[in-house]
Protein backbone atom coordinates (compact mmCIF):
# COMPACT_ATOMS: atom_id res chain seq x y z
CA PHE A 1 111.17 104.65 109.59
CA LEU A 2 112.88 106.93 111.72
CA GLU A 3 112.63 106.44 115.50
CA CYS A 4 112.41 110.10 117.30
CA PRO A 5 113.17 109.75 121.22
CA LEU A 6 110.42 110.74 123.52
CA GLN A 7 111.67 114.71 124.32
CA ASP A 8 113.41 114.81 120.70
CA PRO A 9 112.15 118.04 119.21
CA GLN A 10 111.02 116.11 115.76
CA ARG A 11 108.85 114.13 117.32
CA SER A 12 107.05 117.81 119.26
CA ALA A 13 106.82 118.92 115.34
CA LEU A 14 105.55 115.77 114.26
CA ILE A 15 102.83 116.32 117.24
CA GLY A 16 102.10 119.84 115.64
CA LEU A 17 101.50 118.34 112.39
CA ILE A 18 99.15 115.94 113.07
CA LYS A 19 97.12 118.53 114.72
CA ALA A 20 97.69 121.04 111.85
CA ILE A 21 96.30 118.49 109.47
CA ASP A 22 93.76 117.29 112.04
CA SER A 23 92.22 121.13 112.21
CA PHE A 24 92.91 121.94 108.66
CA ARG A 25 91.44 119.12 107.15
CA GLY A 26 94.02 119.84 104.55
CA ASP A 27 95.03 116.04 103.97
CA PRO A 28 91.72 114.16 102.81
CA ASP A 29 93.16 111.05 102.05
CA GLY A 30 95.03 111.03 104.98
CA CYS A 31 98.56 110.30 103.48
CA LEU A 32 100.27 113.18 105.94
CA LEU A 33 99.17 111.89 108.85
CA SER A 34 99.91 108.22 108.15
CA ALA A 35 103.21 109.09 107.28
CA ALA A 36 103.06 111.28 110.37
CA VAL A 37 102.41 108.20 113.01
CA ARG A 38 104.71 105.96 111.67
CA LEU A 39 107.70 108.35 111.93
CA MET A 40 106.14 108.92 115.47
CA LEU A 41 106.36 105.26 116.26
CA ALA A 42 109.69 104.18 118.39
CA GLU A 43 108.78 102.10 120.69
CA ASP A 44 107.86 97.97 120.59
CA PRO A 45 104.21 97.65 122.52
CA THR A 46 104.39 94.18 121.61
CA GLY A 47 106.37 92.90 124.97
CA ILE A 48 107.15 89.59 123.56
CA GLY A 49 110.12 88.04 125.34
CA HIS A 50 111.17 85.05 122.92
CA PRO A 51 111.39 84.31 119.74
CA ILE A 52 108.43 84.12 117.43
CA ASP A 53 107.72 82.43 113.83
CA GLN A 54 109.66 84.85 111.19
CA ARG A 55 106.00 85.35 109.57
CA LEU A 56 104.28 86.02 112.35
CA ALA A 57 107.27 88.42 113.28
CA GLU A 58 106.60 90.11 110.12
CA VAL A 59 102.42 90.75 110.19
CA LEU A 60 103.62 92.09 113.98
CA ARG A 61 105.63 94.60 112.07
CA LEU A 62 103.24 95.22 110.09
CA ILE A 63 100.75 95.88 112.51
CA GLN A 64 103.19 97.58 114.75
CA PHE A 65 104.34 100.16 112.12
CA HIS A 66 101.31 101.18 110.72
CA PRO A 67 98.44 101.60 113.42
CA ASP A 68 96.13 103.79 111.68
CA GLN A 69 95.63 100.70 108.82
CA ASN A 70 93.49 98.54 110.50
CA PRO A 71 94.54 95.82 108.42
CA THR A 72 92.05 92.76 107.66
CA VAL A 73 93.02 89.47 109.29
CA THR A 74 92.69 88.11 105.58
CA GLU A 75 95.27 91.14 104.79
CA LEU A 76 97.87 89.78 107.05
CA ALA A 77 97.55 86.71 106.08
CA ALA A 78 98.43 87.21 102.44
CA ALA A 79 101.45 89.30 103.57
CA ALA A 80 103.18 86.51 105.62
CA GLY A 81 102.23 83.88 102.89
CA LEU A 82 99.72 82.41 105.25
CA SER A 83 96.36 80.32 105.51
CA GLU A 84 93.41 82.49 107.76
CA PRO A 85 93.65 79.54 110.21
CA HIS A 86 97.32 79.20 110.49
CA LEU A 87 97.89 82.97 110.87
CA ARG A 88 94.79 82.93 113.31
CA ARG A 89 96.63 79.50 114.70
CA LEU A 90 100.17 80.95 115.47
CA PHE A 91 98.26 84.08 117.33
CA ARG A 92 97.07 81.90 119.59
CA THR A 93 100.20 79.87 120.14
CA GLN A 94 102.66 81.95 120.22
CA LEU A 95 101.00 84.85 121.72
CA GLY A 96 97.84 84.03 123.61
CA LYS A 97 95.66 85.98 121.90
CA SER A 98 93.47 85.98 118.60
CA PRO A 99 94.64 88.24 115.39
CA LYS A 100 91.48 90.95 116.17
CA GLN A 101 92.54 90.89 120.07
CA PHE A 102 96.24 91.89 119.55
CA LEU A 103 94.90 94.92 116.91
CA ARG A 104 92.65 95.70 119.62
CA TRP A 105 95.15 95.74 122.04
CA THR A 106 98.24 97.16 120.25
CA GLY A 107 95.37 100.26 118.47
CA MET A 108 94.41 100.89 122.27
CA GLU A 109 98.11 101.05 123.87
CA TYR A 110 99.31 103.23 120.63
CA ALA A 111 95.91 105.76 121.45
CA GLN A 112 97.35 105.06 125.09
CA ARG A 113 100.43 106.42 124.34
CA LEU A 114 98.84 109.74 122.17
CA LEU A 115 97.31 110.31 124.68
CA ARG A 116 99.33 110.63 127.85
CA PHE A 117 102.41 111.21 126.57
CA GLU A 118 101.69 113.14 123.14
CA GLY A 119 99.04 116.24 124.50
CA LEU A 120 96.44 114.61 121.53
CA ARG A 121 92.48 115.17 123.03
CA VAL A 122 90.66 111.97 122.81
CA GLY A 123 88.32 113.10 119.88
CA GLU A 124 91.44 113.83 117.48
CA VAL A 125 92.93 110.63 119.16
CA ALA A 126 89.85 108.81 117.28
CA ARG A 127 90.12 110.53 113.89
CA LEU A 128 93.45 109.36 113.83
CA LEU A 129 92.75 105.76 114.57
CA GLY A 130 90.27 105.75 112.07
CA PHE A 131 86.78 105.74 114.85
CA SER A 132 83.79 107.40 113.09
CA THR A 133 82.17 108.33 116.77
CA MET A 134 84.19 109.55 119.35
CA HIS A 135 81.82 107.03 121.14
CA GLN A 136 82.98 104.26 119.52
CA PHE A 137 86.42 104.82 120.26
CA SER A 138 85.91 105.74 124.11
CA ALA A 139 83.85 102.18 124.56
CA GLN A 140 86.29 100.20 122.67
CA TYR A 141 89.11 102.27 124.83
CA SER A 142 87.85 101.39 128.35
CA HIS A 143 87.04 97.58 127.33
CA VAL A 144 90.65 96.96 125.91
CA ILE A 145 92.12 99.56 128.28
CA GLY A 146 90.09 99.22 131.56
CA ARG A 147 89.49 102.96 131.82
CA PRO A 148 88.02 105.79 130.02
CA PRO A 149 90.24 107.91 127.58
CA SER A 150 89.51 111.01 129.33
CA ALA A 151 90.98 109.50 132.77
CA GLU A 152 94.63 109.53 130.74
CA ARG A 153 93.85 113.00 130.91
CA GLU A 154 93.43 113.55 133.75
CA SER A 155 95.69 111.53 135.17
CA GLU A 156 98.67 114.43 134.42
């Protein structure tokens, strides 16, 4: 995992790589695109200011470092060595959200950063996060963030 400061030339190069991969469709399996996304992640989007269960912390790292993967609750529970009900309880008691709510929130927070700071277009972000349509992405973004994704580009 490589952290890139916001104005780092490496970060700009990665954004260029993502745009090139998307425009040329030279990565049908998404391997290069996924690697580029992981390299860009420098911030901790959880904002959790208190100690949490180590197994939950591992799940949160998995979600944060792979926002393009869209894991299921079953996959997350297996990665943490927990049952699904136990994982759901940990999320509720320690984060005040269900795993699905947290996954949606994390994905949309990441989308917001891409739109605001990286110059990606709404369609590019929708494809990057695995949405089948831009409308589906826009609806979820609006529901989670409270405004349409196009508003992020207009506020520049």
